[in-house]
PDB file of all heavy atoms in Angstrom:
ATOM      1  N   THR A   1     140.020  74.243  19.880  1.00  0.00           N
ATOM      2  CA  THR A   1     139.445  75.384  19.183  1.00  0.00           C
ATOM      3  C   THR A   1     139.568  76.650  20.026  1.00  0.00           C
ATOM      4  O   THR A   1     139.888  77.721  19.514  1.00  0.00           O
ATOM      5  CB  THR A   1     137.979  75.099  18.823  1.00  0.00           C
ATOM      6  OG1 THR A   1     137.929  73.936  17.988  1.00  0.00           O
ATOM      7  CG2 THR A   1     137.348  76.255  18.074  1.00  0.00           C
ATOM      8  N   ALA A   2     139.344  76.529  21.322  1.00  0.00           N
ATOM      9  CA  ALA A   2     139.427  77.692  22.218  1.00  0.00           C
ATOM     10  C   ALA A   2     140.854  78.226  22.328  1.00  0.00           C
ATOM     11  O   ALA A   2     141.069  79.438  22.388  1.00  0.00           O
ATOM     12  CB  ALA A   2     138.890  77.322  23.599  1.00  0.00           C
ATOM     13  N   THR A   3     141.831  77.319  22.338  1.00  0.00           N
ATOM     14  CA  THR A   3     143.225  77.734  22.533  1.00  0.00           C
ATOM     15  C   THR A   3     143.977  77.947  21.228  1.00  0.00           C
ATOM     16  O   THR A   3     145.038  78.575  21.219  1.00  0.00           O
ATOM     17  CB  THR A   3     143.992  76.691  23.365  1.00  0.00           C
ATOM     18  OG1 THR A   3     144.046  75.460  22.632  1.00  0.00           O
ATOM     19  CG2 THR A   3     143.351  76.492  24.729  1.00  0.00           C
ATOM     20  N   GLY A   4     143.468  77.395  20.133  1.00  0.00           N
ATOM     21  CA  GLY A   4     144.175  77.481  18.862  1.00  0.00           C
ATOM     22  C   GLY A   4     145.352  76.533  18.771  1.00  0.00           C
ATOM     23  O   GLY A   4     146.186  76.645  17.876  1.00  0.00           O
ATOM     24  N   ALA A   5     145.424  75.571  19.682  1.00  0.00           N
ATOM     25  CA  ALA A   5     146.506  74.578  19.689  1.00  0.00           C
ATOM     26  C   ALA A   5     146.009  73.307  18.995  1.00  0.00           C
ATOM     27  O   ALA A   5     145.316  72.504  19.594  1.00  0.00           O
ATOM     28  CB  ALA A   5     146.932  74.272  21.121  1.00  0.00           C
ATOM     29  N   TYR A   6     146.352  73.153  17.725  1.00  0.00           N
ATOM     30  CA  TYR A   6     145.820  72.066  16.908  1.00  0.00           C
ATOM     31  C   TYR A   6     146.820  70.948  16.651  1.00  0.00           C
ATOM     32  O   TYR A   6     146.529  70.022  15.897  1.00  0.00           O
ATOM     33  CB  TYR A   6     145.347  72.618  15.558  1.00  0.00           C
ATOM     34  CG  TYR A   6     144.332  73.717  15.686  1.00  0.00           C
ATOM     35  CD1 TYR A   6     144.649  75.028  15.384  1.00  0.00           C
ATOM     36  CD2 TYR A   6     143.042  73.437  16.133  1.00  0.00           C
ATOM     37  CE1 TYR A   6     143.711  76.039  15.500  1.00  0.00           C
ATOM     38  CE2 TYR A   6     142.094  74.444  16.254  1.00  0.00           C
ATOM     39  CZ  TYR A   6     142.447  75.743  15.931  1.00  0.00           C
ATOM     40  OH  TYR A   6     141.518  76.737  16.055  1.00  0.00           O
ATOM     41  N   GLU A   7     147.997  71.014  17.263  1.00  0.00           N
ATOM     42  CA  GLU A   7     149.010  69.994  17.028  1.00  0.00           C
ATOM     43  C   GLU A   7     148.506  68.635  17.497  1.00  0.00           C
ATOM     44  O   GLU A   7     147.780  68.532  18.472  1.00  0.00           O
ATOM     45  CB  GLU A   7     150.309  70.347  17.763  1.00  0.00           C
ATOM     46  CG  GLU A   7     151.024  71.555  17.192  1.00  0.00           C
ATOM     47  CD  GLU A   7     150.346  72.888  17.509  1.00  0.00           C
ATOM     48  OE1 GLU A   7     149.687  72.981  18.558  1.00  0.00           O
ATOM     49  OE2 GLU A   7     150.468  73.806  16.688  1.00  0.00           O
ATOM     50  N   THR A   8     148.914  67.608  16.766  1.00  0.00           N
ATOM     51  CA  THR A   8     148.529  66.250  17.134  1.00  0.00           C
ATOM     52  C   THR A   8     149.621  65.277  16.740  1.00  0.00           C
ATOM     53  O   THR A   8     150.337  65.514  15.767  1.00  0.00           O
ATOM     54  CB  THR A   8     147.198  65.833  16.474  1.00  0.00           C
ATOM     55  OG1 THR A   8     146.818  64.541  16.959  1.00  0.00           O
ATOM     56  CG2 THR A   8     147.305  65.770  14.960  1.00  0.00           C
ATOM     57  N   GLU A   9     149.728  64.216  17.487  1.00  0.00           N
ATOM     58  CA  GLU A   9     150.618  63.113  17.137  1.00  0.00           C
ATOM     59  C   GLU A   9     149.804  61.851  16.910  1.00  0.00           C
ATOM     60  O   GLU A   9     150.358  60.784  16.682  1.00  0.00           O
ATOM     61  CB  GLU A   9     151.633  62.888  18.266  1.00  0.00           C
ATOM     62  CG  GLU A   9     152.584  64.046  18.453  1.00  0.00           C
ATOM     63  CD  GLU A   9     153.559  63.822  19.589  1.00  0.00           C
ATOM     64  OE1 GLU A   9     153.637  62.701  20.118  1.00  0.00           O
ATOM     65  OE2 GLU A   9     154.235  64.798  19.947  1.00  0.00           O
ATOM     66  N   VAL A  10     148.477  61.984  16.977  1.00  0.00           N
ATOM     67  CA  VAL A  10     147.605  60.818  16.927  1.00  0.00           C
ATOM     68  C   VAL A  10     147.023  60.603  15.536  1.00  0.00           C
ATOM     69  O   VAL A  10     147.202  59.562  14.932  1.00  0.00           O
ATOM     70  CB  VAL A  10     146.471  60.945  17.969  1.00  0.00           C
ATOM     71  CG1 VAL A  10     145.542  59.762  17.895  1.00  0.00           C
ATOM     72  CG2 VAL A  10     147.050  61.106  19.352  1.00  0.00           C
ATOM     73  N   SER A  11     146.316  61.583  15.028  1.00  0.00           N
ATOM     74  CA  SER A  11     145.607  61.407  13.764  1.00  0.00           C
ATOM     75  C   SER A  11     145.483  62.762  13.087  1.00  0.00           C
ATOM     76  O   SER A  11     144.624  63.566  13.441  1.00  0.00           O
ATOM     77  CB  SER A  11     144.229  60.793  14.023  1.00  0.00           C
ATOM     78  OG  SER A  11     143.545  60.575  12.829  1.00  0.00           O
ATOM     79  N   SER A  12     146.329  63.000  12.105  1.00  0.00           N
ATOM     80  CA  SER A  12     146.379  64.300  11.447  1.00  0.00           C
ATOM     81  C   SER A  12     145.207  64.484  10.482  1.00  0.00           C
ATOM     82  O   SER A  12     144.546  63.532  10.072  1.00  0.00           O
ATOM     83  CB  SER A  12     147.686  64.440  10.668  1.00  0.00           C
ATOM     84  OG  SER A  12     147.690  63.547   9.562  1.00  0.00           O
ATOM     85  N   LEU A  13     144.992  65.740  10.134  1.00  0.00           N
ATOM     86  CA  LEU A  13     143.951  66.067   9.168  1.00  0.00           C
ATOM     87  C   LEU A  13     144.236  65.413   7.819  1.00  0.00           C
ATOM     88  O   LEU A  13     143.312  64.990   7.129  1.00  0.00           O
ATOM     89  CB  LEU A  13     143.820  67.588   9.030  1.00  0.00           C
ATOM     90  CG  LEU A  13     142.698  68.083   8.140  1.00  0.00           C
ATOM     91  CD1 LEU A  13     141.337  67.586   8.624  1.00  0.00           C
ATOM     92  CD2 LEU A  13     142.709  69.600   8.061  1.00  0.00           C
ATOM     93  N   ASP A  14     145.510  65.317   7.440  1.00  0.00           N
ATOM     94  CA  ASP A  14     145.873  64.607   6.196  1.00  0.00           C
ATOM     95  C   ASP A  14     145.298  63.192   6.191  1.00  0.00           C
ATOM     96  O   ASP A  14     144.713  62.753   5.199  1.00  0.00           O
ATOM     97  CB  ASP A  14     147.394  64.493   6.042  1.00  0.00           C
ATOM     98  CG  ASP A  14     148.056  65.759   5.550  1.00  0.00           C
ATOM     99  OD1 ASP A  14     147.392  66.557   4.863  1.00  0.00           O
ATOM    100  OD2 ASP A  14     149.251  65.940   5.843  1.00  0.00           O
ATOM    101  N   LEU A  15     145.478  62.494   7.299  1.00  0.00           N
ATOM    102  CA  LEU A  15     144.988  61.125   7.415  1.00  0.00           C
ATOM    103  C   LEU A  15     143.461  61.086   7.347  1.00  0.00           C
ATOM    104  O   LEU A  15     142.880  60.250   6.653  1.00  0.00           O
ATOM    105  CB  LEU A  15     145.483  60.499   8.717  1.00  0.00           C
ATOM    106  CG  LEU A  15     145.100  59.048   8.975  1.00  0.00           C
ATOM    107  CD1 LEU A  15     145.699  58.140   7.912  1.00  0.00           C
ATOM    108  CD2 LEU A  15     145.565  58.626  10.346  1.00  0.00           C
ATOM    109  N   LYS A  16     142.822  61.998   8.049  1.00  0.00           N
ATOM    110  CA  LYS A  16     141.359  62.056   8.027  1.00  0.00           C
ATOM    111  C   LYS A  16     140.838  62.414   6.628  1.00  0.00           C
ATOM    112  O   LYS A  16     139.831  61.875   6.182  1.00  0.00           O
ATOM    113  CB  LYS A  16     140.854  63.038   9.074  1.00  0.00           C
ATOM    114  CG  LYS A  16     141.039  62.520  10.496  1.00  0.00           C
ATOM    115  CD  LYS A  16     140.563  63.548  11.490  1.00  0.00           C
ATOM    116  CE  LYS A  16     140.607  63.123  12.916  1.00  0.00           C
ATOM    117  NZ  LYS A  16     141.492  62.078  13.327  1.00  0.00           N
ATOM    118  N   ALA A  17     141.529  63.318   5.949  1.00  0.00           N
ATOM    119  CA  ALA A  17     141.132  63.692   4.591  1.00  0.00           C
ATOM    120  C   ALA A  17     141.244  62.495   3.647  1.00  0.00           C
ATOM    121  O   ALA A  17     140.386  62.304   2.772  1.00  0.00           O
ATOM    122  CB  ALA A  17     141.975  64.860   4.096  1.00  0.00           C
ATOM    123  N   ASP A  18     142.277  61.683   3.828  1.00  0.00           N
ATOM    124  CA  ASP A  18     142.420  60.470   3.004  1.00  0.00           C
ATOM    125  C   ASP A  18     141.261  59.510   3.262  1.00  0.00           C
ATOM    126  O   ASP A  18     140.699  58.928   2.331  1.00  0.00           O
ATOM    127  CB  ASP A  18     143.744  59.766   3.300  1.00  0.00           C
ATOM    128  CG  ASP A  18     144.945  60.503   2.753  1.00  0.00           C
ATOM    129  OD1 ASP A  18     144.783  61.421   1.914  1.00  0.00           O
ATOM    130  OD2 ASP A  18     146.080  60.163   3.173  1.00  0.00           O
ATOM    131  N   GLY A  19     140.897  59.331   4.527  1.00  0.00           N
ATOM    132  CA  GLY A  19     139.759  58.467   4.862  1.00  0.00           C
ATOM    133  C   GLY A  19     138.458  58.997   4.297  1.00  0.00           C
ATOM    134  O   GLY A  19     137.628  58.227   3.790  1.00  0.00           O
ATOM    135  N   LEU A  20     138.286  60.299   4.364  1.00  0.00           N
ATOM    136  CA  LEU A  20     137.071  60.904   3.825  1.00  0.00           C
ATOM    137  C   LEU A  20     137.019  60.751   2.309  1.00  0.00           C
ATOM    138  O   LEU A  20     135.944  60.528   1.734  1.00  0.00           O
ATOM    139  CB  LEU A  20     136.988  62.373   4.228  1.00  0.00           C
ATOM    140  CG  LEU A  20     135.705  63.089   3.855  1.00  0.00           C
ATOM    141  CD1 LEU A  20     134.478  62.386   4.414  1.00  0.00           C
ATOM    142  CD2 LEU A  20     135.757  64.526   4.348  1.00  0.00           C
ATOM    143  N   ALA A  21     138.170  60.842   1.656  1.00  0.00           N
ATOM    144  CA  ALA A  21     138.219  60.624   0.209  1.00  0.00           C
ATOM    145  C   ALA A  21     137.759  59.209  -0.137  1.00  0.00           C
ATOM    146  O   ALA A  21     137.057  59.001  -1.140  1.00  0.00           O
ATOM    147  CB  ALA A  21     139.622  60.885  -0.325  1.00  0.00           C
ATOM    148  N   LEU A  22     138.122  58.241   0.699  1.00  0.00           N
ATOM    149  CA  LEU A  22     137.667  56.865   0.477  1.00  0.00           C
ATOM    150  C   LEU A  22     136.158  56.753   0.647  1.00  0.00           C
ATOM    151  O   LEU A  22     135.486  56.074  -0.144  1.00  0.00           O
ATOM    152  CB  LEU A  22     138.378  55.904   1.425  1.00  0.00           C
ATOM    153  CG  LEU A  22     139.870  55.716   1.195  1.00  0.00           C
ATOM    154  CD1 LEU A  22     140.477  54.875   2.323  1.00  0.00           C
ATOM    155  CD2 LEU A  22     140.129  55.068  -0.152  1.00  0.00           C
ATOM    156  N   LEU A  23     135.608  57.398   1.676  1.00  0.00           N
ATOM    157  CA  LEU A  23     134.154  57.403   1.870  1.00  0.00           C
ATOM    158  C   LEU A  23     133.457  58.058   0.685  1.00  0.00           C
ATOM    159  O   LEU A  23     132.446  57.556   0.186  1.00  0.00           O
ATOM    160  CB  LEU A  23     133.782  58.123   3.164  1.00  0.00           C
ATOM    161  CG  LEU A  23     132.288  58.326   3.414  1.00  0.00           C
ATOM    162  CD1 LEU A  23     131.572  56.988   3.569  1.00  0.00           C
ATOM    163  CD2 LEU A  23     132.068  59.218   4.618  1.00  0.00           C
ATOM    164  N   PHE A  24     133.992  59.171   0.225  1.00  0.00           N
ATOM    165  CA  PHE A  24     133.436  59.883  -0.924  1.00  0.00           C
ATOM    166  C   PHE A  24     133.413  58.978  -2.153  1.00  0.00           C
ATOM    167  O   PHE A  24     132.387  58.847  -2.830  1.00  0.00           O
ATOM    168  CB  PHE A  24     134.267  61.142  -1.185  1.00  0.00           C
ATOM    169  CG  PHE A  24     133.727  62.012  -2.284  1.00  0.00           C
ATOM    170  CD1 PHE A  24     132.796  62.986  -2.005  1.00  0.00           C
ATOM    171  CD2 PHE A  24     134.169  61.859  -3.588  1.00  0.00           C
ATOM    172  CE1 PHE A  24     132.302  63.800  -3.011  1.00  0.00           C
ATOM    173  CE2 PHE A  24     133.682  62.655  -4.601  1.00  0.00           C
ATOM    174  CZ  PHE A  24     132.741  63.634  -4.315  1.00  0.00           C
ATOM    175  N   GLU A  25     134.535  58.333  -2.416  1.00  0.00           N
ATOM    176  CA  GLU A  25     134.638  57.466  -3.593  1.00  0.00           C
ATOM    177  C   GLU A  25     133.731  56.247  -3.466  1.00  0.00           C
ATOM    178  O   GLU A  25     133.090  55.837  -4.439  1.00  0.00           O
ATOM    179  CB  GLU A  25     136.089  57.051  -3.818  1.00  0.00           C
ATOM    180  CG  GLU A  25     136.320  56.336  -5.121  1.00  0.00           C
ATOM    181  CD  GLU A  25     135.851  57.113  -6.343  1.00  0.00           C
ATOM    182  OE1 GLU A  25     135.924  58.350  -6.360  1.00  0.00           O
ATOM    183  OE2 GLU A  25     135.386  56.456  -7.303  1.00  0.00           O
ATOM    184  N   ALA A  26     133.653  55.652  -2.280  1.00  0.00           N
ATOM    185  CA  ALA A  26     132.758  54.505  -2.080  1.00  0.00           C
ATOM    186  C   ALA A  26     131.304  54.916  -2.278  1.00  0.00           C
ATOM    187  O   ALA A  26     130.521  54.170  -2.893  1.00  0.00           O
ATOM    188  CB  ALA A  26     132.949  53.913  -0.686  1.00  0.00           C
ATOM    189  N   SER A  27     130.928  56.077  -1.796  1.00  0.00           N
ATOM    190  CA  SER A  27     129.553  56.564  -1.978  1.00  0.00           C
ATOM    191  C   SER A  27     129.241  56.743  -3.457  1.00  0.00           C
ATOM    192  O   SER A  27     128.168  56.358  -3.928  1.00  0.00           O
ATOM    193  CB  SER A  27     129.359  57.893  -1.235  1.00  0.00           C
ATOM    194  OG  SER A  27     129.543  57.735   0.153  1.00  0.00           O
ATOM    195  N   ARG A  28     130.185  57.325  -4.183  1.00  0.00           N
ATOM    196  CA  ARG A  28     129.999  57.509  -5.624  1.00  0.00           C
ATOM    197  C   ARG A  28     129.918  56.166  -6.330  1.00  0.00           C
ATOM    198  O   ARG A  28     129.013  55.908  -7.119  1.00  0.00           O
ATOM    199  CB  ARG A  28     131.143  58.342  -6.206  1.00  0.00           C
ATOM    200  CG  ARG A  28     130.916  58.712  -7.673  1.00  0.00           C
ATOM    201  CD  ARG A  28     132.196  59.140  -8.350  1.00  0.00           C
ATOM    202  NE  ARG A  28     133.243  58.122  -8.326  1.00  0.00           N
ATOM    203  CZ  ARG A  28     133.251  56.998  -9.049  1.00  0.00           C
ATOM    204  NH1 ARG A  28     132.243  56.719  -9.852  1.00  0.00           N
ATOM    205  NH2 ARG A  28     134.237  56.129  -8.956  1.00  0.00           N
ATOM    206  N   ALA A  29     130.849  55.279  -6.016  1.00  0.00           N
ATOM    207  CA  ALA A  29     130.916  53.980  -6.681  1.00  0.00           C
ATOM    208  C   ALA A  29     129.685  53.124  -6.400  1.00  0.00           C
ATOM    209  O   ALA A  29     129.253  52.355  -7.271  1.00  0.00           O
ATOM    210  CB  ALA A  29     132.184  53.238  -6.257  1.00  0.00           C
ATOM    211  N   GLN A  30     129.130  53.233  -5.220  1.00  0.00           N
ATOM    212  CA  GLN A  30     127.960  52.434  -4.860  1.00  0.00           C
ATOM    213  C   GLN A  30     126.655  53.070  -5.340  1.00  0.00           C
ATOM    214  O   GLN A  30     125.586  52.526  -5.115  1.00  0.00           O
ATOM    215  CB  GLN A  30     127.901  52.213  -3.353  1.00  0.00           C
ATOM    216  CG  GLN A  30     129.043  51.362  -2.804  1.00  0.00           C
ATOM    217  CD  GLN A  30     129.063  49.973  -3.401  1.00  0.00           C
ATOM    218  OE1 GLN A  30     129.762  49.726  -4.373  1.00  0.00           O
ATOM    219  NE2 GLN A  30     128.301  49.058  -2.845  1.00  0.00           N
ATOM    220  N   GLY A  31     126.748  54.224  -5.972  1.00  0.00           N
ATOM    221  CA  GLY A  31     125.578  54.848  -6.573  1.00  0.00           C
ATOM    222  C   GLY A  31     124.651  55.560  -5.600  1.00  0.00           C
ATOM    223  O   GLY A  31     123.503  55.830  -5.938  1.00  0.00           O
ATOM    224  N   ILE A  32     125.143  55.886  -4.408  1.00  0.00           N
ATOM    225  CA  ILE A  32     124.264  56.565  -3.451  1.00  0.00           C
ATOM    226  C   ILE A  32     124.475  58.071  -3.438  1.00  0.00           C
ATOM    227  O   ILE A  32     123.804  58.789  -2.724  1.00  0.00           O
ATOM    228  CB  ILE A  32     124.415  56.001  -2.025  1.00  0.00           C
ATOM    229  CG1 ILE A  32     125.838  56.178  -1.504  1.00  0.00           C
ATOM    230  CG2 ILE A  32     123.990  54.544  -1.987  1.00  0.00           C
ATOM    231  CD1 ILE A  32     125.965  55.850  -0.046  1.00  0.00           C
ATOM    232  N   GLY A  33     125.392  58.544  -4.252  1.00  0.00           N
ATOM    233  CA  GLY A  33     125.634  59.974  -4.354  1.00  0.00           C
ATOM    234  C   GLY A  33     126.647  60.470  -3.340  1.00  0.00           C
ATOM    235  O   GLY A  33     127.022  59.768  -2.409  1.00  0.00           O
ATOM    236  N   THR A  34     127.059  61.696  -3.544  1.00  0.00           N
ATOM    237  CA  THR A  34     128.111  62.286  -2.717  1.00  0.00           C
ATOM    238  C   THR A  34     127.675  63.576  -2.035  1.00  0.00           C
ATOM    239  O   THR A  34     128.508  64.320  -1.529  1.00  0.00           O
ATOM    240  CB  THR A  34     129.355  62.567  -3.579  1.00  0.00           C
ATOM    241  OG1 THR A  34     128.979  63.438  -4.651  1.00  0.00           O
ATOM    242  CG2 THR A  34     129.948  61.273  -4.127  1.00  0.00           C
ATOM    243  N   ALA A  35     126.373  63.837  -2.003  1.00  0.00           N
ATOM    244  CA  ALA A  35     125.874  65.095  -1.432  1.00  0.00           C
ATOM    245  C   ALA A  35     126.234  65.250   0.041  1.00  0.00           C
ATOM    246  O   ALA A  35     126.506  66.361   0.495  1.00  0.00           O
ATOM    247  CB  ALA A  35     124.366  65.198  -1.621  1.00  0.00           C
TER     248      ALA A  35
END
């Protein structure tokens, strides 16, 4: 954040966004809400 160098070869934001979408959907499906 301090340097503005966000490049990664380990775990991209795309991958994290996909995982978060799964958490979002599981929360909705299990009836606990998505707030």
